[in-house]
Every structure is written in structure tokens, then in C-alpha cells.
Amino acid sequence: MEDTSALESSRLLVDQIADKWTILILGALCRRGGSSRFNAILRDVAGLSQKTLTQCLRRLERNGVIERRVLDTAPIGVEYAISPLGHTLRAPFQALYDWATTYLPEVEGARLRFDVRNARAS
């Protein structure tokens, strides 16, 4: 039987990595091709609040997925970049994106059938 502690830790990590904002933030960092400052990420991810971005960046840094670098500028700035560990997520995230774009028509059809069926039942 699998260690309960390891199972719980894995579940928490998957919850954090598969989070909507995490995927969008990592996507924004990838599109920029290097590092980005906080406000640039905030502009790139529509609907993201400063608080949520701060929490997500801290969580990603703690997990080793991104790196935070303090810039010696006036005023002091901070840049975030995907770490080597974070780059290992490229293939699974790309696979998820490819699946979504490939099967979107089927998903939309299923949603429509569900909505019609539920509308009749109401």
C-alpha cells in the first residue's frame, strides 16, 4: 500500500501545479521567453488579481518551479523566470493544450447535449 503521507503530498503538488492561475502564469512566462516582472505578468494574465499573483508566485517559487531574482535598480525590482524544474512541465502542459484544442468541438457538443437535456428536465 502506498504511503499516505506521500500520496497526500503528491495530491497537494498536483493541485498546485494544475491550478488555473498556475498554468496561465507559467504560460505567460514561457511566451516572454525569459524573465518577467510582476506587473508584466499581471498584464499578461487577464482577470488575475495582485493578491492571487503574489500567492501563486510564492507557491511556485517554494516548489522550485520558478526562480525569483531581485534586481539592483532604483526602485528595487523583482523578476521571475521558469526554473529548470519548471521547464519539465512544458511537455505535459503542451499535451493538455493539444488535447483541449483537438477535442474542443466534442466537448462543446457534449455541453450542448447536457444543457438541452437539463432544460427539458426543468
PDB file of N, CA and C in Angstrom:
ATOM      1  N   MET A   1       0.846  -1.184   0.000  1.00  0.00           N
ATOM      2  CA  MET A   1       0.000   0.000   0.000  1.00  0.00           C
ATOM      3  C   MET A   1       0.888   1.243   0.000  1.00  0.00           C
ATOM      4  N   GLU A   2       0.488   2.246  -0.742  1.00  0.00           N
ATOM      5  CA  GLU A   2       1.268   3.478  -0.860  1.00  0.00           C
ATOM      6  C   GLU A   2       1.217   4.281   0.441  1.00  0.00           C
ATOM      7  N   ASP A   3       2.342   4.900   0.753  1.00  0.00           N
ATOM      8  CA  ASP A   3       2.464   5.733   1.948  1.00  0.00           C
ATOM      9  C   ASP A   3       1.448   6.871   1.872  1.00  0.00           C
ATOM     10  N   THR A   4       0.607   6.984   2.887  1.00  0.00           N
ATOM     11  CA  THR A   4      -0.442   8.010   2.908  1.00  0.00           C
ATOM     12  C   THR A   4       0.145   9.407   2.849  1.00  0.00           C
ATOM     13  N   SER A   5       1.246   9.625   3.529  1.00  0.00           N
ATOM     14  CA  SER A   5       1.887  10.936   3.540  1.00  0.00           C
ATOM     15  C   SER A   5       2.379  11.320   2.139  1.00  0.00           C
ATOM     16  N   ALA A   6       3.000  10.366   1.443  1.00  0.00           N
ATOM     17  CA  ALA A   6       3.486  10.620   0.083  1.00  0.00           C
ATOM     18  C   ALA A   6       2.316  10.882  -0.872  1.00  0.00           C
ATOM     19  N   LEU A   7       1.248  10.133  -0.694  1.00  0.00           N
ATOM     20  CA  LEU A   7       0.061  10.314  -1.525  1.00  0.00           C
ATOM     21  C   LEU A   7      -0.533  11.701  -1.316  1.00  0.00           C
ATOM     22  N   GLU A   8      -0.635  12.118  -0.071  1.00  0.00           N
ATOM     23  CA  GLU A   8      -1.176  13.450   0.242  1.00  0.00           C
ATOM     24  C   GLU A   8      -0.270  14.549  -0.317  1.00  0.00           C
ATOM     25  N   SER A   9       1.039  14.389  -0.166  1.00  0.00           N
ATOM     26  CA  SER A   9       1.985  15.380  -0.697  1.00  0.00           C
ATOM     27  C   SER A   9       1.876  15.477  -2.213  1.00  0.00           C
ATOM     28  N   SER A  10       1.768  14.347  -2.878  1.00  0.00           N
ATOM     29  CA  SER A  10       1.621  14.336  -4.341  1.00  0.00           C
ATOM     30  C   SER A  10       0.330  15.018  -4.758  1.00  0.00           C
ATOM     31  N   ARG A  11      -0.748  14.736  -4.040  1.00  0.00           N
ATOM     32  CA  ARG A  11      -2.040  15.351  -4.358  1.00  0.00           C
ATOM     33  C   ARG A  11      -1.966  16.865  -4.224  1.00  0.00           C
ATOM     34  N   LEU A  12      -1.335  17.331  -3.152  1.00  0.00           N
ATOM     35  CA  LEU A  12      -1.199  18.775  -2.955  1.00  0.00           C
ATOM     36  C   LEU A  12      -0.376  19.417  -4.061  1.00  0.00           C
ATOM     37  N   LEU A  13       0.688  18.752  -4.476  1.00  0.00           N
ATOM     38  CA  LEU A  13       1.522  19.293  -5.555  1.00  0.00           C
ATOM     39  C   LEU A  13       0.744  19.342  -6.867  1.00  0.00           C
ATOM     40  N   VAL A  14       0.009  18.291  -7.164  1.00  0.00           N
ATOM     41  CA  VAL A  14      -0.804  18.285  -8.392  1.00  0.00           C
ATOM     42  C   VAL A  14      -1.851  19.391  -8.329  1.00  0.00           C
ATOM     43  N   ASP A  15      -2.478  19.569  -7.176  1.00  0.00           N
ATOM     44  CA  ASP A  15      -3.450  20.659  -7.017  1.00  0.00           C
ATOM     45  C   ASP A  15      -2.808  22.009  -7.320  1.00  0.00           C
ATOM     46  N   GLN A  16      -1.592  22.213  -6.855  1.00  0.00           N
ATOM     47  CA  GLN A  16      -0.910  23.491  -7.057  1.00  0.00           C
ATOM     48  C   GLN A  16      -0.465  23.676  -8.505  1.00  0.00           C
ATOM     49  N   ILE A  17       0.052  22.635  -9.120  1.00  0.00           N
ATOM     50  CA  ILE A  17       0.563  22.742 -10.492  1.00  0.00           C
ATOM     51  C   ILE A  17      -0.586  22.822 -11.494  1.00  0.00           C
ATOM     52  N   ALA A  18      -1.678  22.115 -11.247  1.00  0.00           N
ATOM     53  CA  ALA A  18      -2.796  22.084 -12.195  1.00  0.00           C
ATOM     54  C   ALA A  18      -3.778  23.238 -11.984  1.00  0.00           C
ATOM     55  N   ASP A  19      -3.503  24.102 -11.043  1.00  0.00           N
ATOM     56  CA  ASP A  19      -4.358  25.256 -10.779  1.00  0.00           C
ATOM     57  C   ASP A  19      -4.444  26.149 -12.022  1.00  0.00           C
ATOM     58  N   LYS A  20      -5.623  26.688 -12.256  1.00  0.00           N
ATOM     59  CA  LYS A  20      -5.855  27.544 -13.428  1.00  0.00           C
ATOM     60  C   LYS A  20      -4.834  28.672 -13.519  1.00  0.00           C
ATOM     61  N   TRP A  21      -4.628  29.374 -12.417  1.00  0.00           N
ATOM     62  CA  TRP A  21      -3.723  30.530 -12.452  1.00  0.00           C
ATOM     63  C   TRP A  21      -2.280  30.107 -12.668  1.00  0.00           C
ATOM     64  N   THR A  22      -1.880  28.982 -12.092  1.00  0.00           N
ATOM     65  CA  THR A  22      -0.517  28.489 -12.274  1.00  0.00           C
ATOM     66  C   THR A  22      -0.237  28.250 -13.745  1.00  0.00           C
ATOM     67  N   ILE A  23      -1.149  27.569 -14.412  1.00  0.00           N
ATOM     68  CA  ILE A  23      -0.964  27.265 -15.830  1.00  0.00           C
ATOM     69  C   ILE A  23      -0.890  28.551 -16.650  1.00  0.00           C
ATOM     70  N   LEU A  24      -1.756  29.506 -16.356  1.00  0.00           N
ATOM     71  CA  LEU A  24      -1.753  30.763 -17.108  1.00  0.00           C
ATOM     72  C   LEU A  24      -0.496  31.594 -16.829  1.00  0.00           C
ATOM     73  N   ILE A  25      -0.038  31.608 -15.593  1.00  0.00           N
ATOM     74  CA  ILE A  25       1.172  32.354 -15.239  1.00  0.00           C
ATOM     75  C   ILE A  25       2.394  31.720 -15.900  1.00  0.00           C
ATOM     76  N   LEU A  26       2.504  30.407 -15.835  1.00  0.00           N
ATOM     77  CA  LEU A  26       3.625  29.744 -16.490  1.00  0.00           C
ATOM     78  C   LEU A  26       3.583  29.942 -17.999  1.00  0.00           C
ATOM     79  N   GLY A  27       2.384  29.943 -18.561  1.00  0.00           N
ATOM     80  CA  GLY A  27       2.241  30.227 -19.988  1.00  0.00           C
ATOM     81  C   GLY A  27       2.727  31.623 -20.336  1.00  0.00           C
ATOM     82  N   ALA A  28       2.387  32.597 -19.497  1.00  0.00           N
ATOM     83  CA  ALA A  28       2.827  33.972 -19.727  1.00  0.00           C
ATOM     84  C   ALA A  28       4.351  34.062 -19.644  1.00  0.00           C
ATOM     85  N   LEU A  29       4.949  33.387 -18.679  1.00  0.00           N
ATOM     86  CA  LEU A  29       6.408  33.398 -18.566  1.00  0.00           C
ATOM     87  C   LEU A  29       7.062  32.730 -19.779  1.00  0.00           C
ATOM     88  N   CYS A  30       6.484  31.650 -20.264  1.00  0.00           N
ATOM     89  CA  CYS A  30       7.026  30.969 -21.455  1.00  0.00           C
ATOM     90  C   CYS A  30       6.933  31.865 -22.688  1.00  0.00           C
ATOM     91  N   ARG A  31       5.794  32.540 -22.842  1.00  0.00           N
ATOM     92  CA  ARG A  31       5.627  33.416 -24.016  1.00  0.00           C
ATOM     93  C   ARG A  31       6.650  34.534 -24.019  1.00  0.00           C
ATOM     94  N   ARG A  32       7.029  35.004 -22.866  1.00  0.00           N
ATOM     95  CA  ARG A  32       8.018  36.085 -22.777  1.00  0.00           C
ATOM     96  C   ARG A  32       9.429  35.564 -23.015  1.00  0.00           C
ATOM     97  N   GLY A  33       9.597  34.252 -22.948  1.00  0.00           N
ATOM     98  CA  GLY A  33      10.861  33.643 -23.305  1.00  0.00           C
ATOM     99  C   GLY A  33      12.016  33.866 -22.346  1.00  0.00           C
ATOM    100  N   GLY A  34      11.772  34.303 -21.195  1.00  0.00           N
ATOM    101  CA  GLY A  34      12.860  34.509 -20.252  1.00  0.00           C
ATOM    102  C   GLY A  34      12.298  34.871 -18.904  1.00  0.00           C
ATOM    103  N   SER A  35      12.581  36.076 -18.502  1.00  0.00           N
ATOM    104  CA  SER A  35      12.075  36.511 -17.209  1.00  0.00           C
ATOM    105  C   SER A  35      11.090  37.651 -17.383  1.00  0.00           C
ATOM    106  N   SER A  36      10.252  37.825 -16.381  1.00  0.00           N
ATOM    107  CA  SER A  36       9.245  38.878 -16.407  1.00  0.00           C
ATOM    108  C   SER A  36       9.117  39.504 -15.034  1.00  0.00           C
ATOM    109  N   ARG A  37       8.775  40.749 -15.051  1.00  0.00           N
ATOM    110  CA  ARG A  37       8.499  41.436 -13.803  1.00  0.00           C
ATOM    111  C   ARG A  37       7.039  41.210 -13.423  1.00  0.00           C
ATOM    112  N   PHE A  38       6.746  41.457 -12.163  1.00  0.00           N
ATOM    113  CA  PHE A  38       5.425  41.213 -11.589  1.00  0.00           C
ATOM    114  C   PHE A  38       4.318  41.860 -12.431  1.00  0.00           C
ATOM    115  N   ASN A  39       4.439  43.168 -12.704  1.00  0.00           N
ATOM    116  CA  ASN A  39       3.369  43.871 -13.422  1.00  0.00           C
ATOM    117  C   ASN A  39       3.207  43.395 -14.859  1.00  0.00           C
ATOM    118  N   ALA A  40       4.287  42.929 -15.475  1.00  0.00           N
ATOM    119  CA  ALA A  40       4.180  42.385 -16.829  1.00  0.00           C
ATOM    120  C   ALA A  40       3.348  41.099 -16.812  1.00  0.00           C
ATOM    121  N   ILE A  41       3.582  40.263 -15.814  1.00  0.00           N
ATOM    122  CA  ILE A  41       2.795  39.029 -15.684  1.00  0.00           C
ATOM    123  C   ILE A  41       1.335  39.387 -15.416  1.00  0.00           C
ATOM    124  N   LEU A  42       1.128  40.354 -14.538  1.00  0.00           N
ATOM    125  CA  LEU A  42      -0.232  40.775 -14.190  1.00  0.00           C
ATOM    126  C   LEU A  42      -0.976  41.270 -15.429  1.00  0.00           C
ATOM    127  N   ARG A  43      -0.298  42.002 -16.301  1.00  0.00           N
ATOM    128  CA  ARG A  43      -0.919  42.488 -17.547  1.00  0.00           C
ATOM    129  C   ARG A  43      -1.206  41.354 -18.524  1.00  0.00           C
ATOM    130  N   ASP A  44      -0.338  40.354 -18.538  1.00  0.00           N
ATOM    131  CA  ASP A  44      -0.473  39.251 -19.500  1.00  0.00           C
ATOM    132  C   ASP A  44      -1.600  38.282 -19.167  1.00  0.00           C
ATOM    133  N   VAL A  45      -1.983  38.212 -17.899  1.00  0.00           N
ATOM    134  CA  VAL A  45      -2.985  37.224 -17.474  1.00  0.00           C
ATOM    135  C   VAL A  45      -4.262  37.965 -17.075  1.00  0.00           C
ATOM    136  N   ALA A  46      -5.201  38.019 -17.994  1.00  0.00           N
ATOM    137  CA  ALA A  46      -6.449  38.744 -17.765  1.00  0.00           C
ATOM    138  C   ALA A  46      -7.222  38.150 -16.594  1.00  0.00           C
ATOM    139  N   GLY A  47      -7.747  39.038 -15.749  1.00  0.00           N
ATOM    140  CA  GLY A  47      -8.577  38.614 -14.634  1.00  0.00           C
ATOM    141  C   GLY A  47      -7.815  38.228 -13.386  1.00  0.00           C
ATOM    142  N   LEU A  48      -6.513  38.254 -13.442  1.00  0.00           N
ATOM    143  CA  LEU A  48      -5.673  37.869 -12.310  1.00  0.00           C
ATOM    144  C   LEU A  48      -5.484  39.061 -11.381  1.00  0.00           C
ATOM    145  N   SER A  49      -5.730  38.869 -10.095  1.00  0.00           N
ATOM    146  CA  SER A  49      -5.546  39.956  -9.126  1.00  0.00           C
ATOM    147  C   SER A  49      -4.106  39.947  -8.608  1.00  0.00           C
ATOM    148  N   GLN A  50      -3.684  41.081  -8.063  1.00  0.00           N
ATOM    149  CA  GLN A  50      -2.343  41.179  -7.479  1.00  0.00           C
ATOM    150  C   GLN A  50      -2.158  40.160  -6.358  1.00  0.00           C
ATOM    151  N   LYS A  51      -3.172  40.023  -5.522  1.00  0.00           N
ATOM    152  CA  LYS A  51      -3.092  39.089  -4.398  1.00  0.00           C
ATOM    153  C   LYS A  51      -2.914  37.653  -4.889  1.00  0.00           C
ATOM    154  N   THR A  52      -3.713  37.257  -5.868  1.00  0.00           N
ATOM    155  CA  THR A  52      -3.625  35.897  -6.398  1.00  0.00           C
ATOM    156  C   THR A  52      -2.282  35.667  -7.066  1.00  0.00           C
ATOM    157  N   LEU A  53      -1.800  36.668  -7.822  1.00  0.00           N
ATOM    158  CA  LEU A  53      -0.494  36.527  -8.463  1.00  0.00           C
ATOM    159  C   LEU A  53       0.608  36.368  -7.420  1.00  0.00           C
ATOM    160  N   THR A  54       0.578  37.181  -6.389  1.00  0.00           N
ATOM    161  CA  THR A  54       1.577  37.090  -5.325  1.00  0.00           C
ATOM    162  C   THR A  54       1.567  35.706  -4.690  1.00  0.00           C
ATOM    163  N   GLN A  55       0.381  35.209  -4.342  1.00  0.00           N
ATOM    164  CA  GLN A  55       0.269  33.890  -3.713  1.00  0.00           C
ATOM    165  C   GLN A  55       0.783  32.788  -4.640  1.00  0.00           C
ATOM    166  N   CYS A  56       0.418  32.876  -5.903  1.00  0.00           N
ATOM    167  CA  CYS A  56       0.811  31.848  -6.865  1.00  0.00           C
ATOM    168  C   CYS A  56       2.326  31.869  -7.104  1.00  0.00           C
ATOM    169  N   LEU A  57       2.899  33.065  -7.249  1.00  0.00           N
ATOM    170  CA  LEU A  57       4.343  33.164  -7.464  1.00  0.00           C
ATOM    171  C   LEU A  57       5.111  32.614  -6.262  1.00  0.00           C
ATOM    172  N   ARG A  58       4.661  32.913  -5.077  1.00  0.00           N
ATOM    173  CA  ARG A  58       5.318  32.389  -3.870  1.00  0.00           C
ATOM    174  C   ARG A  58       5.254  30.861  -3.826  1.00  0.00           C
ATOM    175  N   ARG A  59       4.088  30.329  -4.148  1.00  0.00           N
ATOM    176  CA  ARG A  59       3.905  28.874  -4.153  1.00  0.00           C
ATOM    177  C   ARG A  59       4.808  28.225  -5.208  1.00  0.00           C
ATOM    178  N   LEU A  60       4.867  28.823  -6.399  1.00  0.00           N
ATOM    179  CA  LEU A  60       5.708  28.282  -7.470  1.00  0.00           C
ATOM    180  C   LEU A  60       7.188  28.362  -7.104  1.00  0.00           C
ATOM    181  N   GLU A  61       7.585  29.454  -6.475  1.00  0.00           N
ATOM    182  CA  GLU A  61       8.981  29.591  -6.048  1.00  0.00           C
ATOM    183  C   GLU A  61       9.303  28.559  -4.967  1.00  0.00           C
ATOM    184  N   ARG A  62       8.411  28.404  -4.023  1.00  0.00           N
ATOM    185  CA  ARG A  62       8.621  27.427  -2.939  1.00  0.00           C
ATOM    186  C   ARG A  62       8.759  26.016  -3.494  1.00  0.00           C
ATOM    187  N   ASN A  63       7.983  25.700  -4.537  1.00  0.00           N
ATOM    188  CA  ASN A  63       8.027  24.378  -5.157  1.00  0.00           C
ATOM    189  C   ASN A  63       9.194  24.220  -6.129  1.00  0.00           C
ATOM    190  N   GLY A  64       9.951  25.286  -6.365  1.00  0.00           N
ATOM    191  CA  GLY A  64      11.106  25.198  -7.260  1.00  0.00           C
ATOM    192  C   GLY A  64      10.777  25.309  -8.730  1.00  0.00           C
ATOM    193  N   VAL A  65       9.552  25.716  -9.053  1.00  0.00           N
ATOM    194  CA  VAL A  65       9.111  25.788 -10.443  1.00  0.00           C
ATOM    195  C   VAL A  65       9.540  27.102 -11.105  1.00  0.00           C
ATOM    196  N   ILE A  66       9.631  28.156 -10.313  1.00  0.00           N
ATOM    197  CA  ILE A  66      10.131  29.427 -10.820  1.00  0.00           C
ATOM    198  C   ILE A  66      11.255  29.920  -9.913  1.00  0.00           C
ATOM    199  N   GLU A  67      12.016  30.849 -10.456  1.00  0.00           N
ATOM    200  CA  GLU A  67      13.079  31.485  -9.688  1.00  0.00           C
ATOM    201  C   GLU A  67      12.781  32.976  -9.610  1.00  0.00           C
ATOM    202  N   ARG A  68      13.069  33.552  -8.465  1.00  0.00           N
ATOM    203  CA  ARG A  68      12.841  34.976  -8.207  1.00  0.00           C
ATOM    204  C   ARG A  68      14.200  35.638  -8.074  1.00  0.00           C
ATOM    205  N   ARG A  69      14.379  36.735  -8.813  1.00  0.00           N
ATOM    206  CA  ARG A  69      15.653  37.444  -8.762  1.00  0.00           C
ATOM    207  C   ARG A  69      15.395  38.905  -8.443  1.00  0.00           C
ATOM    208  N   VAL A  70      16.045  39.391  -7.398  1.00  0.00           N
ATOM    209  CA  VAL A  70      15.925  40.793  -7.007  1.00  0.00           C
ATOM    210  C   VAL A  70      16.911  41.594  -7.849  1.00  0.00           C
ATOM    211  N   LEU A  71      16.415  42.652  -8.479  1.00  0.00           N
ATOM    212  CA  LEU A  71      17.236  43.492  -9.350  1.00  0.00           C
ATOM    213  C   LEU A  71      17.806  44.660  -8.559  1.00  0.00           C
ATOM    214  N   ASP A  72      19.029  44.960  -8.811  1.00  0.00           N
ATOM    215  CA  ASP A  72      19.700  46.065  -8.130  1.00  0.00           C
ATOM    216  C   ASP A  72      19.431  47.358  -8.917  1.00  0.00           C
ATOM    217  N   THR A  73      18.187  47.791  -8.851  1.00  0.00           N
ATOM    218  CA  THR A  73      17.762  49.008  -9.546  1.00  0.00           C
ATOM    219  C   THR A  73      17.101  49.932  -8.538  1.00  0.00           C
ATOM    220  N   ALA A  74      16.875  51.141  -8.963  1.00  0.00           N
ATOM    221  CA  ALA A  74      16.152  52.091  -8.109  1.00  0.00           C
ATOM    222  C   ALA A  74      14.852  52.453  -8.804  1.00  0.00           C
ATOM    223  N   PRO A  75      13.704  52.158  -8.285  1.00  0.00           N
ATOM    224  CA  PRO A  75      13.491  51.336  -7.085  1.00  0.00           C
ATOM    225  C   PRO A  75      13.845  49.875  -7.367  1.00  0.00           C
ATOM    226  N   ILE A  76      14.017  49.121  -6.291  1.00  0.00           N
ATOM    227  CA  ILE A  76      14.375  47.711  -6.419  1.00  0.00           C
ATOM    228  C   ILE A  76      13.273  46.984  -7.182  1.00  0.00           C
ATOM    229  N   GLY A  77      13.676  46.154  -8.115  1.00  0.00           N
ATOM    230  CA  GLY A  77      12.724  45.382  -8.908  1.00  0.00           C
ATOM    231  C   GLY A  77      12.914  43.895  -8.680  1.00  0.00           C
ATOM    232  N   VAL A  78      11.945  43.135  -9.118  1.00  0.00           N
ATOM    233  CA  VAL A  78      12.000  41.674  -8.998  1.00  0.00           C
ATOM    234  C   VAL A  78      11.585  41.080 -10.333  1.00  0.00           C
ATOM    235  N   GLU A  79      12.319  40.070 -10.766  1.00  0.00           N
ATOM    236  CA  GLU A  79      11.965  39.327 -11.969  1.00  0.00           C
ATOM    237  C   GLU A  79      11.714  37.868 -11.604  1.00  0.00           C
ATOM    238  N   TYR A  80      10.835  37.262 -12.369  1.00  0.00           N
ATOM    239  CA  TYR A  80      10.515  35.853 -12.187  1.00  0.00           C
ATOM    240  C   TYR A  80      10.818  35.123 -13.489  1.00  0.00           C
ATOM    241  N   ALA A  81      11.373  33.937 -13.362  1.00  0.00           N
ATOM    242  CA  ALA A  81      11.679  33.118 -14.535  1.00  0.00           C
ATOM    243  C   ALA A  81      11.392  31.661 -14.205  1.00  0.00           C
ATOM    244  N   ILE A  82      11.071  30.897 -15.224  1.00  0.00           N
ATOM    245  CA  ILE A  82      10.837  29.468 -15.031  1.00  0.00           C
ATOM    246  C   ILE A  82      12.183  28.800 -14.758  1.00  0.00           C
ATOM    247  N   SER A  83      12.211  27.968 -13.753  1.00  0.00           N
ATOM    248  CA  SER A  83      13.434  27.253 -13.373  1.00  0.00           C
ATOM    249  C   SER A  83      13.618  26.038 -14.291  1.00  0.00           C
ATOM    250  N   PRO A  84      14.789  25.407 -14.228  1.00  0.00           N
ATOM    251  CA  PRO A  84      14.954  24.158 -14.986  1.00  0.00           C
ATOM    252  C   PRO A  84      13.887  23.116 -14.619  1.00  0.00           C
ATOM    253  N   LEU A  85      13.551  23.015 -13.340  1.00  0.00           N
ATOM    254  CA  LEU A  85      12.485  22.099 -12.935  1.00  0.00           C
ATOM    255  C   LEU A  85      11.157  22.504 -13.575  1.00  0.00           C
ATOM    256  N   GLY A  86      10.876  23.799 -13.595  1.00  0.00           N
ATOM    257  CA  GLY A  86       9.646  24.292 -14.202  1.00  0.00           C
ATOM    258  C   GLY A  86       9.547  23.975 -15.686  1.00  0.00           C
ATOM    259  N   HIS A  87      10.696  23.983 -16.362  1.00  0.00           N
ATOM    260  CA  HIS A  87      10.698  23.671 -17.800  1.00  0.00           C
ATOM    261  C   HIS A  87      10.272  22.229 -18.071  1.00  0.00           C
ATOM    262  N   THR A  88      10.396  21.353 -17.074  1.00  0.00           N
ATOM    263  CA  THR A  88       9.973  19.968 -17.272  1.00  0.00           C
ATOM    264  C   THR A  88       8.453  19.853 -17.403  1.00  0.00           C
ATOM    265  N   LEU A  89       7.738  20.913 -17.057  1.00  0.00           N
ATOM    266  CA  LEU A  89       6.272  20.913 -17.196  1.00  0.00           C
ATOM    267  C   LEU A  89       5.823  21.234 -18.620  1.00  0.00           C
ATOM    268  N   ARG A  90       6.743  21.656 -19.471  1.00  0.00           N
ATOM    269  CA  ARG A  90       6.379  22.059 -20.832  1.00  0.00           C
ATOM    270  C   ARG A  90       5.650  20.936 -21.580  1.00  0.00           C
ATOM    271  N   ALA A  91       6.194  19.740 -21.577  1.00  0.00           N
ATOM    272  CA  ALA A  91       5.585  18.627 -22.327  1.00  0.00           C
ATOM    273  C   ALA A  91       4.191  18.281 -21.804  1.00  0.00           C
ATOM    274  N   PRO A  92       3.992  18.093 -20.485  1.00  0.00           N
ATOM    275  CA  PRO A  92       2.626  17.773 -20.056  1.00  0.00           C
ATOM    276  C   PRO A  92       1.635  18.906 -20.295  1.00  0.00           C
ATOM    277  N   PHE A  93       2.072  20.154 -20.119  1.00  0.00           N
ATOM    278  CA  PHE A  93       1.166  21.280 -20.378  1.00  0.00           C
ATOM    279  C   PHE A  93       0.842  21.380 -21.857  1.00  0.00           C
ATOM    280  N   GLN A  94       1.825  21.126 -22.714  1.00  0.00           N
ATOM    281  CA  GLN A  94       1.586  21.148 -24.157  1.00  0.00           C
ATOM    282  C   GLN A  94       0.612  20.045 -24.546  1.00  0.00           C
ATOM    283  N   ALA A  95       0.774  18.874 -23.931  1.00  0.00           N
ATOM    284  CA  ALA A  95      -0.144  17.762 -24.210  1.00  0.00           C
ATOM    285  C   ALA A  95      -1.571  18.123 -23.801  1.00  0.00           C
ATOM    286  N   LEU A  96      -1.721  18.780 -22.658  1.00  0.00           N
ATOM    287  CA  LEU A  96      -3.045  19.203 -22.202  1.00  0.00           C
ATOM    288  C   LEU A  96      -3.644  20.231 -23.161  1.00  0.00           C
ATOM    289  N   TYR A  97      -2.834  21.195 -23.599  1.00  0.00           N
ATOM    290  CA  TYR A  97      -3.305  22.201 -24.555  1.00  0.00           C
ATOM    291  C   TYR A  97      -3.707  21.541 -25.877  1.00  0.00           C
ATOM    292  N   ASP A  98      -2.871  20.618 -26.357  1.00  0.00           N
ATOM    293  CA  ASP A  98      -3.182  19.920 -27.613  1.00  0.00           C
ATOM    294  C   ASP A  98      -4.489  19.145 -27.487  1.00  0.00           C
ATOM    295  N   TRP A  99      -4.693  18.478 -26.348  1.00  0.00           N
ATOM    296  CA  TRP A  99      -5.935  17.742 -26.138  1.00  0.00           C
ATOM    297  C   TRP A  99      -7.122  18.694 -26.179  1.00  0.00           C
ATOM    298  N   ALA A 100      -6.998  19.822 -25.482  1.00  0.00           N
ATOM    299  CA  ALA A 100      -8.106  20.783 -25.414  1.00  0.00           C
ATOM    300  C   ALA A 100      -8.457  21.318 -26.797  1.00  0.00           C
ATOM    301  N   THR A 101      -7.460  21.649 -27.597  1.00  0.00           N
ATOM    302  CA  THR A 101      -7.754  22.185 -28.929  1.00  0.00           C
ATOM    303  C   THR A 101      -8.287  21.099 -29.866  1.00  0.00           C
ATOM    304  N   THR A 102      -7.805  19.879 -29.713  1.00  0.00           N
ATOM    305  CA  THR A 102      -8.265  18.782 -30.570  1.00  0.00           C
ATOM    306  C   THR A 102      -9.709  18.397 -30.261  1.00  0.00           C
ATOM    307  N   TYR A 103     -10.041  18.309 -28.988  1.00  0.00           N
ATOM    308  CA  TYR A 103     -11.344  17.789 -28.583  1.00  0.00           C
ATOM    309  C   TYR A 103     -12.359  18.858 -28.196  1.00  0.00           C
ATOM    310  N   LEU A 104     -12.024  20.118 -28.384  1.00  0.00           N
ATOM    311  CA  LEU A 104     -12.966  21.192 -28.056  1.00  0.00           C
ATOM    312  C   LEU A 104     -14.317  21.016 -28.753  1.00  0.00           C
ATOM    313  N   PRO A 105     -14.356  20.695 -30.044  1.00  0.00           N
ATOM    314  CA  PRO A 105     -15.680  20.504 -30.675  1.00  0.00           C
ATOM    315  C   PRO A 105     -16.502  19.397 -29.999  1.00  0.00           C
ATOM    316  N   GLU A 106     -15.870  18.295 -29.607  1.00  0.00           N
ATOM    317  CA  GLU A 106     -16.600  17.228 -28.927  1.00  0.00           C
ATOM    318  C   GLU A 106     -17.090  17.675 -27.554  1.00  0.00           C
ATOM    319  N   VAL A 107     -16.259  18.421 -26.855  1.00  0.00           N
ATOM    320  CA  VAL A 107     -16.646  18.925 -25.535  1.00  0.00           C
ATOM    321  C   VAL A 107     -17.815  19.889 -25.668  1.00  0.00           C
ATOM    322  N   GLU A 108     -17.749  20.780 -26.655  1.00  0.00           N
ATOM    323  CA  GLU A 108     -18.849  21.725 -26.862  1.00  0.00           C
ATOM    324  C   GLU A 108     -20.136  20.996 -27.212  1.00  0.00           C
ATOM    325  N   GLY A 109     -20.049  19.940 -28.018  1.00  0.00           N
ATOM    326  CA  GLY A 109     -21.223  19.126 -28.338  1.00  0.00           C
ATOM    327  C   GLY A 109     -21.801  18.462 -27.099  1.00  0.00           C
ATOM    328  N   ALA A 110     -20.936  17.927 -26.254  1.00  0.00           N
ATOM    329  CA  ALA A 110     -21.388  17.292 -25.011  1.00  0.00           C
ATOM    330  C   ALA A 110     -22.064  18.309 -24.103  1.00  0.00           C
ATOM    331  N   ARG A 111     -21.494  19.507 -24.020  1.00  0.00           N
ATOM    332  CA  ARG A 111     -22.102  20.568 -23.200  1.00  0.00           C
ATOM    333  C   ARG A 111     -23.498  20.913 -23.721  1.00  0.00           C
ATOM    334  N   LEU A 112     -23.625  21.046 -25.013  1.00  0.00           N
ATOM    335  CA  LEU A 112     -24.918  21.386 -25.614  1.00  0.00           C
ATOM    336  C   LEU A 112     -25.949  20.297 -25.331  1.00  0.00           C
ATOM    337  N   ARG A 113     -25.567  19.028 -25.521  1.00  0.00           N
ATOM    338  CA  ARG A 113     -26.495  17.920 -25.246  1.00  0.00           C
ATOM    339  C   ARG A 113     -26.902  17.914 -23.771  1.00  0.00           C
ATOM    340  N   PHE A 114     -25.962  18.155 -22.892  1.00  0.00           N
ATOM    341  CA  PHE A 114     -26.243  18.204 -21.459  1.00  0.00           C
ATOM    342  C   PHE A 114     -27.218  19.333 -21.140  1.00  0.00           C
ATOM    343  N   ASP A 115     -26.959  20.522 -21.689  1.00  0.00           N
ATOM    344  CA  ASP A 115     -27.815  21.676 -21.416  1.00  0.00           C
ATOM    345  C   ASP A 115     -29.230  21.465 -21.948  1.00  0.00           C
ATOM    346  N   VAL A 116     -29.346  20.884 -23.121  1.00  0.00           N
ATOM    347  CA  VAL A 116     -30.670  20.603 -23.689  1.00  0.00           C
ATOM    348  C   VAL A 116     -31.403  19.588 -22.822  1.00  0.00           C
ATOM    349  N   ARG A 117     -30.719  18.539 -22.433  1.00  0.00           N
ATOM    350  CA  ARG A 117     -31.326  17.505 -21.589  1.00  0.00           C
ATOM    351  C   ARG A 117     -31.776  18.092 -20.245  1.00  0.00           C
ATOM    352  N   ASN A 118     -30.947  18.937 -19.650  1.00  0.00           N
ATOM    353  CA  ASN A 118     -31.303  19.543 -18.357  1.00  0.00           C
ATOM    354  C   ASN A 118     -32.414  20.581 -18.502  1.00  0.00           C
ATOM    355  N   ALA A 119     -32.467  21.270 -19.617  1.00  0.00           N
ATOM    356  CA  ALA A 119     -33.532  22.250 -19.842  1.00  0.00           C
ATOM    357  C   ALA A 119     -34.879  21.550 -19.944  1.00  0.00           C
ATOM    358  N   ARG A 120     -34.912  20.375 -20.575  1.00  0.00           N
ATOM    359  CA  ARG A 120     -36.152  19.612 -20.690  1.00  0.00           C
ATOM    360  C   ARG A 120     -36.605  19.088 -19.339  1.00  0.00           C
ATOM    361  N   ALA A 121     -35.645  18.709 -18.517  1.00  0.00           N
ATOM    362  CA  ALA A 121     -35.963  18.135 -17.205  1.00  0.00           C
ATOM    363  C   ALA A 121     -36.462  19.199 -16.225  1.00  0.00           C
ATOM    364  N   SER A 122     -36.162  20.455 -16.489  1.00  0.00           N
ATOM    365  CA  SER A 122     -36.549  21.521 -15.552  1.00  0.00           C
ATOM    366  C   SER A 122     -37.980  21.917 -15.680  1.00  0.00           C
TER     367      SER A 122
END
